[in-house]
Amino acid sequence: MIPKENEKDLAEVPDNVKDGLDIIPISLVDEALNVALIRSFDDRVNEDEVLSDTPLAPGNAVQEDLIAH
């Protein structure tokens, strides 16, 4: 991945250097994430939905469950 604004500079890079490279010009971080991540950034899971149904592991008690010593 290269910044979109540097795409014009690719003409100066020799073909033997570019051979075998998949050069992807990007202008937004979301574009980089969509290229770099296995799942699309737009398909990300809503963290609040997952965490609300996930029980706490032992040792991760909620503050009101703690007893002062």
PDB file of N, CA and C in Angstrom:
ATOM      1  N   MET A   1       0.847  -1.168   0.000  1.00  0.00           N
ATOM      2  CA  MET A   1       0.000   0.000   0.000  1.00  0.00           C
ATOM      3  C   MET A   1       0.896   1.236   0.000  1.00  0.00           C
ATOM      4  N   ILE A   2       0.490   2.178  -0.791  1.00  0.00           N
ATOM      5  CA  ILE A   2       1.188   3.456  -0.830  1.00  0.00           C
ATOM      6  C   ILE A   2       0.137   4.563  -0.756  1.00  0.00           C
ATOM      7  N   PRO A   3       0.542   5.736  -0.281  1.00  0.00           N
ATOM      8  CA  PRO A   3      -0.398   6.858  -0.283  1.00  0.00           C
ATOM      9  C   PRO A   3      -0.822   7.190  -1.719  1.00  0.00           C
ATOM     10  N   LYS A   4      -2.083   7.460  -1.896  1.00  0.00           N
ATOM     11  CA  LYS A   4      -2.643   7.790  -3.216  1.00  0.00           C
ATOM     12  C   LYS A   4      -1.854   8.927  -3.874  1.00  0.00           C
ATOM     13  N   GLU A   5      -1.422   9.888  -3.082  1.00  0.00           N
ATOM     14  CA  GLU A   5      -0.698  11.037  -3.630  1.00  0.00           C
ATOM     15  C   GLU A   5       0.676  10.645  -4.188  1.00  0.00           C
ATOM     16  N   ASN A   6       1.199   9.471  -3.833  1.00  0.00           N
ATOM     17  CA  ASN A   6       2.492   9.014  -4.345  1.00  0.00           C
ATOM     18  C   ASN A   6       2.348   8.138  -5.588  1.00  0.00           C
ATOM     19  N   GLU A   7       1.129   7.895  -6.011  1.00  0.00           N
ATOM     20  CA  GLU A   7       0.890   7.039  -7.174  1.00  0.00           C
ATOM     21  C   GLU A   7       1.615   7.570  -8.412  1.00  0.00           C
ATOM     22  N   LYS A   8       1.672   8.877  -8.553  1.00  0.00           N
ATOM     23  CA  LYS A   8       2.336   9.483  -9.709  1.00  0.00           C
ATOM     24  C   LYS A   8       3.828   9.159  -9.735  1.00  0.00           C
ATOM     25  N   ASP A   9       4.416   8.890  -8.573  1.00  0.00           N
ATOM     26  CA  ASP A   9       5.846   8.598  -8.488  1.00  0.00           C
ATOM     27  C   ASP A   9       6.197   7.180  -8.930  1.00  0.00           C
ATOM     28  N   LEU A  10       5.199   6.318  -9.086  1.00  0.00           N
ATOM     29  CA  LEU A  10       5.464   4.940  -9.510  1.00  0.00           C
ATOM     30  C   LEU A  10       6.113   4.888 -10.890  1.00  0.00           C
ATOM     31  N   ALA A  11       5.895   5.901 -11.713  1.00  0.00           N
ATOM     32  CA  ALA A  11       6.500   5.938 -13.045  1.00  0.00           C
ATOM     33  C   ALA A  11       8.022   5.979 -12.951  1.00  0.00           C
ATOM     34  N   GLU A  12       8.552   6.505 -11.855  1.00  0.00           N
ATOM     35  CA  GLU A  12       9.999   6.610 -11.670  1.00  0.00           C
ATOM     36  C   GLU A  12      10.621   5.316 -11.142  1.00  0.00           C
ATOM     37  N   VAL A  13       9.798   4.398 -10.662  1.00  0.00           N
ATOM     38  CA  VAL A  13      10.299   3.142 -10.102  1.00  0.00           C
ATOM     39  C   VAL A  13      10.469   2.143 -11.247  1.00  0.00           C
ATOM     40  N   PRO A  14      11.658   1.542 -11.373  1.00  0.00           N
ATOM     41  CA  PRO A  14      11.882   0.587 -12.464  1.00  0.00           C
ATOM     42  C   PRO A  14      10.911  -0.594 -12.398  1.00  0.00           C
ATOM     43  N   ASP A  15      10.564  -1.107 -13.569  1.00  0.00           N
ATOM     44  CA  ASP A  15       9.625  -2.231 -13.648  1.00  0.00           C
ATOM     45  C   ASP A  15      10.131  -3.453 -12.897  1.00  0.00           C
ATOM     46  N   ASN A  16      11.459  -3.705 -12.929  1.00  0.00           N
ATOM     47  CA  ASN A  16      11.975  -4.884 -12.237  1.00  0.00           C
ATOM     48  C   ASN A  16      11.801  -4.772 -10.719  1.00  0.00           C
ATOM     49  N   VAL A  17      11.683  -3.570 -10.205  1.00  0.00           N
ATOM     50  CA  VAL A  17      11.424  -3.369  -8.777  1.00  0.00           C
ATOM     51  C   VAL A  17       9.944  -3.606  -8.485  1.00  0.00           C
ATOM     52  N   LYS A  18       9.080  -3.194  -9.402  1.00  0.00           N
ATOM     53  CA  LYS A  18       7.633  -3.338  -9.205  1.00  0.00           C
ATOM     54  C   LYS A  18       7.125  -4.740  -9.521  1.00  0.00           C
ATOM     55  N   ASP A  19       7.904  -5.513 -10.301  1.00  0.00           N
ATOM     56  CA  ASP A  19       7.478  -6.872 -10.666  1.00  0.00           C
ATOM     57  C   ASP A  19       7.228  -7.705  -9.418  1.00  0.00           C
ATOM     58  N   GLY A  20       6.099  -8.373  -9.398  1.00  0.00           N
ATOM     59  CA  GLY A  20       5.757  -9.240  -8.271  1.00  0.00           C
ATOM     60  C   GLY A  20       5.127  -8.505  -7.099  1.00  0.00           C
ATOM     61  N   LEU A  21       5.042  -7.195  -7.189  1.00  0.00           N
ATOM     62  CA  LEU A  21       4.418  -6.417  -6.115  1.00  0.00           C
ATOM     63  C   LEU A  21       2.981  -6.087  -6.493  1.00  0.00           C
ATOM     64  N   ASP A  22       2.125  -6.132  -5.526  1.00  0.00           N
ATOM     65  CA  ASP A  22       0.747  -5.687  -5.707  1.00  0.00           C
ATOM     66  C   ASP A  22       0.667  -4.322  -5.036  1.00  0.00           C
ATOM     67  N   ILE A  23       0.875  -3.270  -5.799  1.00  0.00           N
ATOM     68  CA  ILE A  23       0.920  -1.908  -5.265  1.00  0.00           C
ATOM     69  C   ILE A  23      -0.492  -1.348  -5.273  1.00  0.00           C
ATOM     70  N   ILE A  24      -0.963  -0.985  -4.081  1.00  0.00           N
ATOM     71  CA  ILE A  24      -2.331  -0.503  -3.931  1.00  0.00           C
ATOM     72  C   ILE A  24      -2.297   0.918  -3.368  1.00  0.00           C
ATOM     73  N   PRO A  25      -2.653   1.904  -4.186  1.00  0.00           N
ATOM     74  CA  PRO A  25      -2.723   3.279  -3.687  1.00  0.00           C
ATOM     75  C   PRO A  25      -3.976   3.464  -2.822  1.00  0.00           C
ATOM     76  N   ILE A  26      -3.808   4.057  -1.665  1.00  0.00           N
ATOM     77  CA  ILE A  26      -4.941   4.295  -0.768  1.00  0.00           C
ATOM     78  C   ILE A  26      -4.941   5.744  -0.313  1.00  0.00           C
ATOM     79  N   SER A  27      -6.135   6.244  -0.008  1.00  0.00           N
ATOM     80  CA  SER A  27      -6.235   7.617   0.485  1.00  0.00           C
ATOM     81  C   SER A  27      -6.855   7.683   1.879  1.00  0.00           C
ATOM     82  N   LEU A  28      -7.501   6.601   2.314  1.00  0.00           N
ATOM     83  CA  LEU A  28      -8.143   6.580   3.625  1.00  0.00           C
ATOM     84  C   LEU A  28      -7.692   5.356   4.422  1.00  0.00           C
ATOM     85  N   VAL A  29      -7.671   5.480   5.725  1.00  0.00           N
ATOM     86  CA  VAL A  29      -7.302   4.362   6.589  1.00  0.00           C
ATOM     87  C   VAL A  29      -8.258   3.192   6.380  1.00  0.00           C
ATOM     88  N   ASP A  30      -9.531   3.473   6.191  1.00  0.00           N
ATOM     89  CA  ASP A  30     -10.508   2.403   5.963  1.00  0.00           C
ATOM     90  C   ASP A  30     -10.121   1.555   4.753  1.00  0.00           C
ATOM     91  N   GLU A  31      -9.585   2.195   3.721  1.00  0.00           N
ATOM     92  CA  GLU A  31      -9.146   1.447   2.543  1.00  0.00           C
ATOM     93  C   GLU A  31      -7.998   0.513   2.900  1.00  0.00           C
ATOM     94  N   ALA A  32      -7.067   0.989   3.709  1.00  0.00           N
ATOM     95  CA  ALA A  32      -5.940   0.154   4.133  1.00  0.00           C
ATOM     96  C   ALA A  32      -6.427  -1.018   4.961  1.00  0.00           C
ATOM     97  N   LEU A  33      -7.375  -0.779   5.843  1.00  0.00           N
ATOM     98  CA  LEU A  33      -7.903  -1.857   6.673  1.00  0.00           C
ATOM     99  C   LEU A  33      -8.621  -2.897   5.826  1.00  0.00           C
ATOM    100  N   ASN A  34      -9.367  -2.462   4.825  1.00  0.00           N
ATOM    101  CA  ASN A  34     -10.067  -3.411   3.952  1.00  0.00           C
ATOM    102  C   ASN A  34      -9.090  -4.282   3.173  1.00  0.00           C
ATOM    103  N   VAL A  35      -7.927  -3.743   2.844  1.00  0.00           N
ATOM    104  CA  VAL A  35      -6.910  -4.521   2.137  1.00  0.00           C
ATOM    105  C   VAL A  35      -6.174  -5.437   3.111  1.00  0.00           C
ATOM    106  N   ALA A  36      -5.853  -4.923   4.294  1.00  0.00           N
ATOM    107  CA  ALA A  36      -5.000  -5.647   5.233  1.00  0.00           C
ATOM    108  C   ALA A  36      -5.731  -6.708   6.043  1.00  0.00           C
ATOM    109  N   LEU A  37      -6.992  -6.491   6.334  1.00  0.00           N
ATOM    110  CA  LEU A  37      -7.724  -7.426   7.179  1.00  0.00           C
ATOM    111  C   LEU A  37      -8.400  -8.507   6.348  1.00  0.00           C
ATOM    112  N   ILE A  38      -8.577  -9.656   6.958  1.00  0.00           N
ATOM    113  CA  ILE A  38      -9.234 -10.767   6.271  1.00  0.00           C
ATOM    114  C   ILE A  38     -10.690 -10.424   5.995  1.00  0.00           C
ATOM    115  N   ARG A  39     -11.384  -9.933   7.034  1.00  0.00           N
ATOM    116  CA  ARG A  39     -12.772  -9.498   6.862  1.00  0.00           C
ATOM    117  C   ARG A  39     -12.786  -8.021   6.541  1.00  0.00           C
ATOM    118  N   SER A  40     -13.756  -7.599   5.802  1.00  0.00           N
ATOM    119  CA  SER A  40     -13.888  -6.195   5.460  1.00  0.00           C
ATOM    120  C   SER A  40     -14.086  -5.362   6.717  1.00  0.00           C
ATOM    121  N   PHE A  41     -13.478  -4.199   6.751  1.00  0.00           N
ATOM    122  CA  PHE A  41     -13.627  -3.294   7.893  1.00  0.00           C
ATOM    123  C   PHE A  41     -15.095  -2.925   8.083  1.00  0.00           C
ATOM    124  N   ASP A  42     -15.865  -2.873   7.017  1.00  0.00           N
ATOM    125  CA  ASP A  42     -17.281  -2.529   7.105  1.00  0.00           C
ATOM    126  C   ASP A  42     -18.108  -3.659   7.702  1.00  0.00           C
ATOM    127  N   ASP A  43     -17.569  -4.882   7.713  1.00  0.00           N
ATOM    128  CA  ASP A  43     -18.273  -6.037   8.268  1.00  0.00           C
ATOM    129  C   ASP A  43     -17.903  -6.291   9.724  1.00  0.00           C
ATOM    130  N   ARG A  44     -17.247  -5.332  10.349  1.00  0.00           N
ATOM    131  CA  ARG A  44     -16.771  -5.539  11.724  1.00  0.00           C
ATOM    132  C   ARG A  44     -17.940  -5.797  12.671  1.00  0.00           C
ATOM    133  N   VAL A  45     -17.647  -6.490  13.749  1.00  0.00           N
ATOM    134  CA  VAL A  45     -18.646  -6.862  14.744  1.00  0.00           C
ATOM    135  C   VAL A  45     -18.836  -5.699  15.702  1.00  0.00           C
ATOM    136  N   ASN A  46     -20.075  -5.481  16.114  1.00  0.00           N
ATOM    137  CA  ASN A  46     -20.367  -4.462  17.111  1.00  0.00           C
ATOM    138  C   ASN A  46     -19.902  -4.989  18.465  1.00  0.00           C
ATOM    139  N   GLU A  47     -18.872  -4.387  19.025  1.00  0.00           N
ATOM    140  CA  GLU A  47     -18.261  -4.853  20.274  1.00  0.00           C
ATOM    141  C   GLU A  47     -19.259  -4.892  21.420  1.00  0.00           C
ATOM    142  N   ASP A  48     -20.169  -3.927  21.495  1.00  0.00           N
ATOM    143  CA  ASP A  48     -21.152  -3.891  22.580  1.00  0.00           C
ATOM    144  C   ASP A  48     -22.077  -5.103  22.539  1.00  0.00           C
ATOM    145  N   GLU A  49     -22.448  -5.549  21.338  1.00  0.00           N
ATOM    146  CA  GLU A  49     -23.319  -6.721  21.223  1.00  0.00           C
ATOM    147  C   GLU A  49     -22.615  -7.980  21.706  1.00  0.00           C
ATOM    148  N   VAL A  50     -21.359  -8.127  21.380  1.00  0.00           N
ATOM    149  CA  VAL A  50     -20.602  -9.318  21.772  1.00  0.00           C
ATOM    150  C   VAL A  50     -20.343  -9.309  23.269  1.00  0.00           C
ATOM    151  N   LEU A  51     -19.905  -8.182  23.795  1.00  0.00           N
ATOM    152  CA  LEU A  51     -19.536  -8.109  25.206  1.00  0.00           C
ATOM    153  C   LEU A  51     -20.734  -8.228  26.130  1.00  0.00           C
ATOM    154  N   SER A  52     -21.912  -7.793  25.710  1.00  0.00           N
ATOM    155  CA  SER A  52     -23.071  -7.850  26.593  1.00  0.00           C
ATOM    156  C   SER A  52     -23.507  -9.290  26.856  1.00  0.00           C
ATOM    157  N   ASP A  53     -23.222 -10.198  25.939  1.00  0.00           N
ATOM    158  CA  ASP A  53     -23.613 -11.597  26.092  1.00  0.00           C
ATOM    159  C   ASP A  53     -22.478 -12.487  26.588  1.00  0.00           C
ATOM    160  N   THR A  54     -21.316 -11.907  26.824  1.00  0.00           N
ATOM    161  CA  THR A  54     -20.155 -12.692  27.222  1.00  0.00           C
ATOM    162  C   THR A  54     -19.988 -12.641  28.733  1.00  0.00           C
ATOM    163  N   PRO A  55     -20.042 -13.800  29.418  1.00  0.00           N
ATOM    164  CA  PRO A  55     -19.846 -13.785  30.871  1.00  0.00           C
ATOM    165  C   PRO A  55     -18.404 -13.426  31.212  1.00  0.00           C
ATOM    166  N   LEU A  56     -18.227 -12.812  32.363  1.00  0.00           N
ATOM    167  CA  LEU A  56     -16.885 -12.467  32.818  1.00  0.00           C
ATOM    168  C   LEU A  56     -16.137 -13.726  33.220  1.00  0.00           C
ATOM    169  N   ALA A  57     -14.874 -13.775  32.903  1.00  0.00           N
ATOM    170  CA  ALA A  57     -14.036 -14.896  33.318  1.00  0.00           C
ATOM    171  C   ALA A  57     -13.720 -14.749  34.803  1.00  0.00           C
ATOM    172  N   PRO A  58     -13.449 -15.854  35.497  1.00  0.00           N
ATOM    173  CA  PRO A  58     -13.070 -15.763  36.912  1.00  0.00           C
ATOM    174  C   PRO A  58     -11.881 -14.818  37.065  1.00  0.00           C
ATOM    175  N   GLY A  59     -11.935 -14.011  38.110  1.00  0.00           N
ATOM    176  CA  GLY A  59     -10.871 -13.034  38.328  1.00  0.00           C
ATOM    177  C   GLY A  59     -11.149 -11.693  37.684  1.00  0.00           C
ATOM    178  N   ASN A  60     -12.209 -11.592  36.910  1.00  0.00           N
ATOM    179  CA  ASN A  60     -12.581 -10.336  36.262  1.00  0.00           C
ATOM    180  C   ASN A  60     -13.907  -9.840  36.826  1.00  0.00           C
ATOM    181  N   ALA A  61     -14.007  -9.774  38.125  1.00  0.00           N
ATOM    182  CA  ALA A  61     -15.256  -9.400  38.787  1.00  0.00           C
ATOM    183  C   ALA A  61     -15.612  -7.951  38.499  1.00  0.00           C
ATOM    184  N   VAL A  62     -16.892  -7.689  38.489  1.00  0.00           N
ATOM    185  CA  VAL A  62     -17.397  -6.331  38.340  1.00  0.00           C
ATOM    186  C   VAL A  62     -17.119  -5.587  39.640  1.00  0.00           C
ATOM    187  N   GLN A  63     -16.918  -4.288  39.565  1.00  0.00           N
ATOM    188  CA  GLN A  63     -16.522  -3.491  40.725  1.00  0.00           C
ATOM    189  C   GLN A  63     -17.434  -3.719  41.929  1.00  0.00           C
ATOM    190  N   GLU A  64     -18.749  -3.791  41.732  1.00  0.00           N
ATOM    191  CA  GLU A  64     -19.647  -3.943  42.887  1.00  0.00           C
ATOM    192  C   GLU A  64     -19.533  -5.321  43.543  1.00  0.00           C
ATOM    193  N   ASP A  65     -18.938  -6.299  42.854  1.00  0.00           N
ATOM    194  CA  ASP A  65     -18.755  -7.635  43.418  1.00  0.00           C
ATOM    195  C   ASP A  65     -17.486  -7.739  44.265  1.00  0.00           C
ATOM    196  N   LEU A  66     -16.654  -6.711  44.254  1.00  0.00           N
ATOM    197  CA  LEU A  66     -15.392  -6.760  44.988  1.00  0.00           C
ATOM    198  C   LEU A  66     -15.611  -6.465  46.466  1.00  0.00           C
ATOM    199  N   ILE A  67     -14.850  -7.130  47.308  1.00  0.00           N
ATOM    200  CA  ILE A  67     -14.915  -6.925  48.756  1.00  0.00           C
ATOM    201  C   ILE A  67     -13.585  -6.343  49.207  1.00  0.00           C
ATOM    202  N   ALA A  68     -13.645  -5.206  49.900  1.00  0.00           N
ATOM    203  CA  ALA A  68     -12.417  -4.578  50.397  1.00  0.00           C
ATOM    204  C   ALA A  68     -11.867  -5.370  51.568  1.00  0.00           C
ATOM    205  N   HIS A  69     -10.561  -5.447  51.690  1.00  0.00           N
ATOM    206  CA  HIS A  69      -9.919  -6.175  52.788  1.00  0.00           C
ATOM    207  C   HIS A  69      -9.369  -5.222  53.803  1.00  0.00           C
TER     208      HIS A  69
END
